[in-house]
């Protein structure tokens, strides 16, 4: 039996919630940590036990994660383990919620369509323009993705990657690397006991990672050419 959105709204605790919609949550400003953690835990339980409305619940998880972005570093990994949702979609949900507040989401569009736009664009005006295009042209999520990809590809052909785009790429890369670092740290005892053949296989599979580390080590020994690296701002 599927769970409808109205039922999900009724099941949410009132404390801390200013507004609940099909496309996410507006939380009251200045929530105490314990109140926020309790609300977050409740949404996690709904995801784990509800048979439907997965898009609505993912959007609400994204809003809760975005609200608590300065909290525990391992929150997304914790949430993934508790809900069975992969960390990638949770990170995307958080990013989309940070870029597209509930007040800017279009009721006529699905959460998936908001994700297509929110993942692809950072500028609020560009985000609003593409949400409006998706709604006015009646684009499905797949059609919207194809049109966005075509637009981005044409933009890249006309100009090289801008400093902003380089910074965004560096941010996403470091975020993924930090997540991998936490996983490796948790399982340190296991991989330290791998056999020589397992270690050799891992090195072959992770060639890009080892190249990355070797390059950074070499780069770190070079004299600095400027006080700031714009790619990691």
Foldseek 3Di string as FASTA:
>chain_A
DADDPVVVVVQQDPPQFPDADLQETDGDPPDDPVSLVVRLVSLLVCLQPGPYSNQSSLLHNLLSCLNQVVDDPCVLVVSCVSRVDDSVSSVLSVQLCVQAPPVLADPQDTSLQSSLLSVLDRDNVSSSVLNVVCRVVVDDSVRSNVVSVVVVVVVCVVDPDDLVNLQVVLVVVVSVVVVVVVVCVVCVVPVVPDDPVVVVVVCVVCVVVVVVVVVVVVVVPDDDPDPDDSNND
